[in-house]
Amino acid sequence: MERIRILIIEDNDDIRESTSEILQLASYEVFQASNGKQGVDLAIKKIPDVILCDIMMPELDGYGVLHLLSKREDTALIPFIFITAKTDRVEVRKGIEMGADDYLTKPFDDIELLSAIESRLKKKERQKSLYSNILTQMTNLFHGSHGLDELKKAFDERKVKSFKKKQIIYYEGDTANAVYLIISGSVKTTKMTEDGKELMTGVYSPEEYFGITSLFAGKEYKETAEVLEDATLCSVPREVIDQLFYKYPDVAEKFIKILAQNVITHEEQLLQLAYFSVRKRMAEVLLKLHAKHPHTDNFEISRENLASMAGMAIETVSRILSDFKEENLIDRSAGKITILDRLRLQKLKN
C-alpha cells in the first residue's frame, strides 16, 4: 500500500528533523526542504499529500511558497499547513486568506502535529466525496447537454477553497468574475440601502449557486457575499460560464431557471416587507432558515443577520424572539435557535 507523503519546508534543522522523525514513526513518507525555493522544487517533483511550511525562511518565505504552488494545477489542491511562532498569529491570518488550510504554533507536540495532518487528510477525503456527489447531481442538472464535460473540466481545474465565518467572498461593486458553488457551510448575500442599512437578499446552502444574477446582469457584483457558517466553495470563471451559456441552449435554459427562481424569491421578500407584520416576517425567516438545515432542528444566526433578513430593527428582533420563546415556539441559547413548534410558526406566517 502506498504511504501518505508529507513535505516539510523548514529552515530550522532541529525542528525539521524532529518533525520528520515523528512523522516517519507514524508511517508517513517524509521529504525535507531547508528553504522555500527547495520546497517549491520538491513539491513539484514529489506532489506530496500534505505540505508543512514555515513562514519566515531565507530565499523564499512561506507566503511565496504558497503563492507559487497555488498557481500550479498539479499542486494547487495540496493541503497546506503553516508552521509559525506564537508572535506570528496575525500574519497567519494573511496566509489563511491566501489559501492555506491550517497552521501549527511552535512549539507543538506530536499529538498536535499528527492531529493537524489527519484532520487535513480527512477533510480532503470528505471534499472528494462531496465533490463526487455534486458532479453526480450536475450530471442530472445538465442531462442531455454536451456542455457537461466542459463544466466538469472547469470544476476540475479550480481549487476548493475554505472560508471562515464572517469572511467576505466579494463586495458589492467588485468585478463579477465567477459563479460560486457551495460544497459545505452557508453564505449570505446583502445589499446596503441609501441610509446605510443592510438588507439580506439571500441565504445559500450546500449544492447551491450564488453570484449568477450579477454575472449576467453586468460587470459588477450587485450584492456582497459573506460567510454565515465556515464554508468550502468552488468557483467557475465567468469566461467558462459565458462559453457554455452561449454554446449550449439547454445549459442556458437551466441557468435561466435559477435566475427566474431568484427573481421570484426577491418578489416574495418585497411583498413580505410591504404587507407582513413583524411577527409574520420573523416566522417566515425562521422557517426558511430551518429549511436550510434539514438534518437538525437548530441553527446558529446572530440578531444582526436576522434583522437584515427580516428588514427590521435589531431591537424588534430581540423582542419578537423573546415573545416566541415565551410562547414555546422556539428556544434560544448562545446564539443558537431551536425550532420547538414548526406547525404553529407555519400558521403565524399564513
Protein backbone atom coordinates (compact mmCIF):
# COMPACT_ATOMS: atom_id res chain seq x y z
CA MET A 1 0.00 0.00 0.00
CA GLU A 2 1.38 3.39 -0.98
CA ARG A 3 2.25 5.56 2.01
CA ILE A 4 0.96 9.10 2.50
CA ARG A 5 3.67 11.61 1.61
CA ILE A 6 4.44 14.70 3.68
CA LEU A 7 6.71 17.59 2.65
CA ILE A 8 8.33 19.66 5.45
CA ILE A 9 9.71 23.08 4.47
CA GLU A 10 11.58 24.49 7.50
CA ASP A 11 14.93 26.29 7.81
CA ASN A 12 15.45 25.29 11.46
CA ASP A 13 17.34 21.98 11.32
CA ASP A 14 16.25 20.79 14.78
CA ILE A 15 12.55 21.44 14.16
CA ARG A 16 12.67 19.94 10.68
CA GLU A 17 14.48 16.78 11.81
CA SER A 18 12.34 16.21 14.91
CA THR A 19 9.12 16.75 12.94
CA SER A 20 10.32 14.35 10.27
CA GLU A 21 11.15 11.72 12.88
CA ILE A 22 7.67 11.89 14.41
CA LEU A 23 6.00 11.57 11.01
CA GLN A 24 8.21 8.66 9.98
CA LEU A 25 7.32 6.84 13.20
CA ALA A 26 3.67 7.36 12.22
CA SER A 27 4.43 5.55 8.91
CA TYR A 28 4.35 8.64 6.69
CA GLU A 29 6.84 9.06 3.86
CA VAL A 30 8.64 12.35 4.53
CA PHE A 31 10.54 14.80 2.29
CA GLN A 32 12.53 17.73 3.69
CA ALA A 33 13.48 21.15 2.36
CA SER A 34 15.56 23.73 4.25
CA ASN A 35 14.25 26.83 2.42
CA GLY A 36 11.29 27.98 0.36
CA LYS A 37 12.92 27.60 -3.04
CA GLN A 38 13.92 23.99 -2.36
CA GLY A 39 10.44 23.38 -1.00
CA VAL A 40 8.72 24.56 -4.19
CA ASP A 41 11.03 22.43 -6.35
CA LEU A 42 10.43 19.36 -4.16
CA ALA A 43 6.66 19.89 -4.08
CA ILE A 44 6.54 20.00 -7.89
CA LYS A 45 8.75 16.92 -8.18
CA LYS A 46 7.12 14.73 -5.49
CA ILE A 47 3.50 16.04 -5.36
CA PRO A 48 3.04 15.29 -1.62
CA ASP A 49 -0.31 14.69 0.09
CA VAL A 50 0.29 17.42 2.71
CA ILE A 51 2.76 20.31 2.98
CA LEU A 52 4.07 21.69 6.31
CA CYS A 53 5.75 25.06 5.76
CA ASP A 54 7.45 27.64 7.97
CA ILE A 55 6.58 31.29 7.30
CA MET A 56 9.91 33.07 7.89
CA MET A 57 12.62 31.46 5.74
CA PRO A 58 15.60 32.53 3.59
CA GLU A 59 15.40 32.88 -0.23
CA LEU A 60 11.60 32.43 -0.34
CA ASP A 61 9.23 32.78 2.63
CA GLY A 62 6.15 30.67 3.31
CA TYR A 63 3.80 33.16 1.63
CA GLY A 64 5.87 32.95 -1.53
CA VAL A 65 5.81 29.15 -1.43
CA LEU A 66 2.01 29.13 -1.04
CA HIS A 67 1.57 31.69 -3.82
CA LEU A 68 3.72 29.77 -6.32
CA LEU A 69 2.20 26.36 -5.56
CA SER A 70 -1.39 27.69 -5.68
CA LYS A 71 -0.75 28.89 -9.23
CA ARG A 72 0.07 25.40 -10.48
CA GLU A 73 -2.68 22.96 -11.43
CA ASP A 74 -0.76 19.96 -10.05
CA THR A 75 -0.03 21.48 -6.61
CA ALA A 76 -2.91 23.91 -6.01
CA LEU A 77 -5.10 21.37 -4.20
CA ILE A 78 -2.45 20.02 -1.80
CA PRO A 79 -3.44 20.73 1.86
CA PHE A 80 -1.05 23.43 3.12
CA ILE A 81 -0.26 23.89 6.84
CA PHE A 82 1.83 26.81 8.09
CA ILE A 83 4.32 26.30 10.94
CA THR A 84 4.69 29.54 12.89
CA ALA A 85 5.89 31.14 16.12
CA LYS A 86 3.31 32.48 18.58
CA THR A 87 4.17 36.07 17.63
CA ASP A 88 3.18 35.35 14.01
CA ARG A 89 -0.55 34.77 14.68
CA VAL A 90 -1.64 37.99 12.95
CA GLU A 91 0.48 37.14 9.92
CA VAL A 92 -1.00 33.63 9.81
CA ARG A 93 -4.41 35.14 9.11
CA LYS A 94 -2.89 36.58 5.96
CA GLY A 95 -1.78 33.08 4.98
CA ILE A 96 -5.22 31.60 5.62
CA GLU A 97 -6.78 34.27 3.40
CA MET A 98 -4.22 33.41 0.70
CA GLY A 99 -5.46 29.82 0.72
CA ALA A 100 -3.54 27.99 3.49
CA ASP A 101 -5.63 25.28 5.15
CA ASP A 102 -4.33 25.38 8.74
CA TYR A 103 -1.38 26.34 10.95
CA LEU A 104 0.65 24.89 13.82
CA THR A 105 2.12 27.13 16.51
CA LYS A 106 5.68 26.41 17.69
CA PRO A 107 6.45 24.60 19.89
CA PHE A 108 3.97 21.84 19.09
CA ASP A 109 3.92 18.26 20.37
CA ASP A 110 3.49 15.04 18.41
CA ILE A 111 -0.26 14.85 19.15
CA GLU A 112 -0.88 18.34 17.77
CA LEU A 113 1.22 17.57 14.68
CA LEU A 114 -0.44 14.26 13.87
CA SER A 115 -3.94 15.60 14.62
CA ALA A 116 -3.44 18.54 12.26
CA ILE A 117 -2.30 16.27 9.43
CA GLU A 118 -5.04 13.69 10.00
CA SER A 119 -7.64 16.47 10.11
CA ARG A 120 -6.46 17.86 6.74
CA LEU A 121 -6.40 14.40 5.15
CA LYS A 122 -9.90 13.58 6.40
CA LYS A 123 -11.20 16.93 5.17
CA LYS A 124 -9.63 16.29 1.77
CA GLU A 125 -11.40 12.93 1.56
CA ARG A 126 -14.72 14.49 2.60
CA GLN A 127 -14.30 17.15 -0.07
CA LYS A 128 -13.63 14.46 -2.67
CA SER A 129 -16.79 12.65 -1.61
CA LEU A 130 -18.87 15.84 -1.65
CA TYR A 131 -17.34 16.81 -4.96
CA SER A 132 -18.25 13.42 -6.41
CA ASN A 133 -21.85 13.81 -5.20
CA ILE A 134 -22.07 17.29 -6.67
CA LEU A 135 -20.80 16.07 -10.04
CA THR A 136 -23.44 13.32 -9.97
CA GLN A 137 -26.14 15.91 -9.31
CA MET A 138 -24.69 18.14 -12.00
CA THR A 139 -24.98 15.20 -14.40
CA ASN A 140 -28.72 15.25 -13.68
CA LEU A 141 -28.83 19.04 -13.91
CA PHE A 142 -27.21 19.04 -17.32
CA HIS A 143 -28.75 15.78 -18.54
CA GLY A 144 -28.55 15.61 -22.30
CA SER A 145 -26.14 18.54 -22.51
CA HIS A 146 -22.91 18.32 -24.44
CA GLY A 147 -21.60 21.02 -22.13
CA LEU A 148 -21.35 18.63 -19.17
CA ASP A 149 -17.80 17.53 -19.95
CA GLU A 150 -16.68 21.15 -20.25
CA LEU A 151 -18.34 22.04 -16.97
CA LYS A 152 -16.73 19.10 -15.17
CA LYS A 153 -13.38 20.16 -16.58
CA ALA A 154 -13.95 23.69 -15.31
CA PHE A 155 -14.51 22.36 -11.78
CA ASP A 156 -11.51 20.03 -12.02
CA GLU A 157 -9.26 22.98 -12.77
CA ARG A 158 -10.43 25.04 -9.79
CA LYS A 159 -9.29 24.67 -6.20
CA VAL A 160 -11.87 24.03 -3.50
CA LYS A 161 -11.28 26.87 -1.03
CA SER A 162 -12.17 27.13 2.64
CA PHE A 163 -13.67 30.31 4.09
CA LYS A 164 -14.13 31.25 7.75
CA LYS A 165 -17.31 32.61 9.33
CA LYS A 166 -17.81 36.35 8.56
CA GLN A 167 -15.18 36.26 5.80
CA ILE A 168 -16.13 38.34 2.76
CA ILE A 169 -16.08 36.46 -0.55
CA TYR A 170 -16.77 39.55 -2.65
CA TYR A 171 -18.14 43.05 -2.12
CA GLU A 172 -20.95 44.82 -3.92
CA GLY A 173 -19.26 46.64 -6.80
CA ASP A 174 -16.39 44.16 -7.21
CA THR A 175 -15.81 42.77 -10.70
CA ALA A 176 -18.15 39.83 -11.29
CA ASN A 177 -15.66 37.22 -12.48
CA ALA A 178 -17.07 33.90 -11.22
CA VAL A 179 -20.09 31.86 -10.18
CA TYR A 180 -19.74 30.07 -6.84
CA LEU A 181 -20.95 26.64 -5.79
CA ILE A 182 -21.24 25.83 -2.07
CA ILE A 183 -19.83 22.45 -1.05
CA SER A 184 -20.30 22.87 2.71
CA GLY A 185 -21.38 25.62 5.09
CA SER A 186 -23.58 28.60 4.18
CA VAL A 187 -23.26 32.06 2.65
CA LYS A 188 -25.44 35.18 2.81
CA THR A 189 -25.76 37.96 0.22
CA THR A 190 -26.63 41.50 1.26
CA LYS A 191 -27.25 44.97 -0.18
CA MET A 192 -26.83 48.33 1.52
CA THR A 193 -29.75 50.78 1.45
CA GLU A 194 -29.23 54.51 0.84
CA ASP A 195 -29.46 55.20 4.58
CA GLY A 196 -26.75 52.63 5.33
CA LYS A 197 -28.92 49.72 6.48
CA GLU A 198 -28.08 46.17 5.46
CA LEU A 199 -30.75 44.05 3.76
CA MET A 200 -30.10 40.33 3.33
CA THR A 201 -31.08 39.22 -0.18
CA GLY A 202 -30.31 35.52 0.08
CA VAL A 203 -29.00 32.60 2.13
CA TYR A 204 -27.27 29.78 0.25
CA SER A 205 -26.57 26.22 1.42
CA PRO A 206 -24.59 23.24 0.09
CA GLU A 207 -25.12 22.41 -3.60
CA GLU A 208 -26.50 25.90 -4.32
CA TYR A 209 -25.01 28.53 -6.63
CA PHE A 210 -24.64 32.25 -5.96
CA GLY A 211 -23.29 35.16 -8.00
CA ILE A 212 -25.23 34.09 -11.11
CA THR A 213 -27.50 37.14 -11.27
CA SER A 214 -24.57 39.55 -11.07
CA LEU A 215 -22.63 37.63 -13.69
CA PHE A 216 -25.37 38.03 -16.28
CA ALA A 217 -26.60 41.46 -15.18
CA GLY A 218 -23.35 43.33 -15.77
CA LYS A 219 -19.68 43.56 -14.95
CA GLU A 220 -20.05 44.09 -11.19
CA TYR A 221 -21.48 42.06 -8.32
CA LYS A 222 -24.81 43.57 -7.29
CA GLU A 223 -24.51 42.45 -3.67
CA THR A 224 -21.96 41.48 -1.02
CA ALA A 225 -21.36 37.80 -0.23
CA GLU A 226 -20.32 36.88 3.32
CA VAL A 227 -19.83 33.51 5.01
CA LEU A 228 -22.51 32.66 7.60
CA GLU A 229 -21.00 29.33 8.67
CA ASP A 230 -17.49 28.07 7.86
CA ALA A 231 -17.74 27.11 4.21
CA THR A 232 -15.92 25.39 1.37
CA LEU A 233 -16.61 26.80 -2.09
CA CYS A 234 -15.70 26.12 -5.68
CA SER A 235 -15.85 28.84 -8.33
CA VAL A 236 -16.28 28.68 -12.10
CA PRO A 237 -14.76 31.56 -14.12
CA ARG A 238 -17.02 33.95 -15.98
CA GLU A 239 -15.42 33.09 -19.34
CA VAL A 240 -16.30 29.39 -18.97
CA ILE A 241 -19.89 30.14 -17.95
CA ASP A 242 -20.27 32.55 -20.89
CA GLN A 243 -18.99 29.93 -23.34
CA LEU A 244 -21.34 27.24 -22.03
CA PHE A 245 -24.28 29.65 -21.88
CA TYR A 246 -23.98 30.76 -25.50
CA LYS A 247 -22.86 27.44 -26.96
CA TYR A 248 -25.39 25.07 -25.37
CA PRO A 249 -29.09 26.13 -25.28
CA ASP A 250 -30.02 23.54 -22.64
CA VAL A 251 -27.29 24.84 -20.31
CA ALA A 252 -28.63 28.36 -20.83
CA GLU A 253 -32.13 27.13 -20.00
CA LYS A 254 -31.01 25.66 -16.69
CA PHE A 255 -29.28 28.90 -15.62
CA ILE A 256 -32.30 30.96 -16.69
CA LYS A 257 -34.48 28.82 -14.40
CA ILE A 258 -32.11 29.58 -11.50
CA LEU A 259 -32.29 33.29 -12.30
CA ALA A 260 -36.09 33.13 -12.53
CA GLN A 261 -36.28 31.47 -9.11
CA ASN A 262 -34.09 34.23 -7.66
CA VAL A 263 -36.48 36.85 -9.05
CA ILE A 264 -39.49 35.04 -7.55
CA THR A 265 -37.74 34.83 -4.17
CA HIS A 266 -36.94 38.55 -4.18
CA GLU A 267 -40.52 39.42 -5.17
CA GLU A 268 -41.81 37.40 -2.24
CA GLN A 269 -39.36 39.20 0.05
CA LEU A 270 -40.61 42.60 -1.15
CA LEU A 271 -44.23 41.58 -0.55
CA GLN A 272 -43.37 40.44 2.97
CA LEU A 273 -41.61 43.72 3.76
CA ALA A 274 -44.58 45.68 2.44
CA TYR A 275 -47.54 43.78 3.91
CA PHE A 276 -46.46 41.25 6.56
CA SER A 277 -46.49 42.08 10.27
CA VAL A 278 -43.13 41.85 12.06
CA ARG A 279 -44.20 38.60 13.77
CA LYS A 280 -45.23 37.11 10.44
CA ARG A 281 -41.95 38.17 8.80
CA MET A 282 -39.88 36.70 11.62
CA ALA A 283 -41.80 33.42 11.45
CA GLU A 284 -41.15 33.30 7.69
CA VAL A 285 -37.41 33.94 8.17
CA LEU A 286 -37.07 31.29 10.90
CA LEU A 287 -38.86 28.70 8.77
CA LYS A 288 -36.64 29.48 5.77
CA LEU A 289 -33.52 29.06 7.91
CA HIS A 290 -34.93 25.85 9.34
CA ALA A 291 -35.44 24.55 5.79
CA LYS A 292 -31.78 25.29 5.06
CA HIS A 293 -30.81 22.92 7.92
CA PRO A 294 -32.95 19.84 7.18
CA HIS A 295 -30.95 17.46 9.37
CA THR A 296 -31.29 19.42 12.63
CA ASP A 297 -33.88 21.49 14.48
CA ASN A 298 -31.39 24.19 15.48
CA PHE A 299 -29.15 26.64 13.67
CA GLU A 300 -26.80 29.46 14.59
CA ILE A 301 -27.50 33.03 13.47
CA SER A 302 -26.96 36.47 15.00
CA ARG A 303 -29.64 39.06 15.77
CA GLU A 304 -27.97 41.34 13.23
CA ASN A 305 -28.38 38.77 10.45
CA LEU A 306 -31.98 38.08 11.43
CA ALA A 307 -32.68 41.81 11.33
CA SER A 308 -31.08 42.03 7.90
CA MET A 309 -33.13 39.11 6.57
CA ALA A 310 -36.45 40.32 8.01
CA GLY A 311 -35.91 44.02 7.28
CA MET A 312 -36.45 45.21 10.85
CA ALA A 313 -34.54 46.78 13.71
CA ILE A 314 -32.32 44.63 15.95
CA GLU A 315 -34.39 45.68 18.98
CA THR A 316 -37.54 44.42 17.25
CA VAL A 317 -35.82 41.10 16.52
CA SER A 318 -34.89 40.71 20.20
CA ARG A 319 -38.44 41.45 21.30
CA ILE A 320 -40.06 39.01 18.86
CA LEU A 321 -37.58 36.24 19.68
CA SER A 322 -38.33 36.73 23.38
CA ASP A 323 -42.06 36.53 22.64
CA PHE A 324 -41.60 33.37 20.54
CA LYS A 325 -39.54 31.81 23.33
CA GLU A 326 -42.21 32.59 25.95
CA GLU A 327 -44.82 31.07 23.63
CA ASN A 328 -42.67 27.90 23.34
CA LEU A 329 -42.31 28.33 19.59
CA ILE A 330 -38.52 28.44 19.77
CA ASP A 331 -35.66 28.12 22.21
CA ARG A 332 -32.62 30.38 22.03
CA SER A 333 -29.30 29.81 23.74
CA ALA A 334 -25.74 31.00 22.99
CA GLY A 335 -26.74 32.33 19.57
CA LYS A 336 -28.43 29.08 18.52
CA ILE A 337 -32.14 28.94 17.73
CA THR A 338 -34.08 25.69 18.12
CA ILE A 339 -37.48 25.34 16.46
CA LEU A 340 -39.84 23.81 19.02
CA ASP A 341 -43.17 24.08 17.17
CA ARG A 342 -42.81 24.34 13.39
CA LEU A 343 -46.55 23.93 12.75
CA ARG A 344 -47.50 26.91 14.92
CA LEU A 345 -44.82 29.02 13.26
CA GLN A 346 -46.26 27.95 9.90
CA LYS A 347 -49.70 29.16 10.99
CA LEU A 348 -48.23 32.51 12.00
CA LYS A 349 -46.94 33.18 8.51
CA ASN A 350 -50.10 32.01 6.70
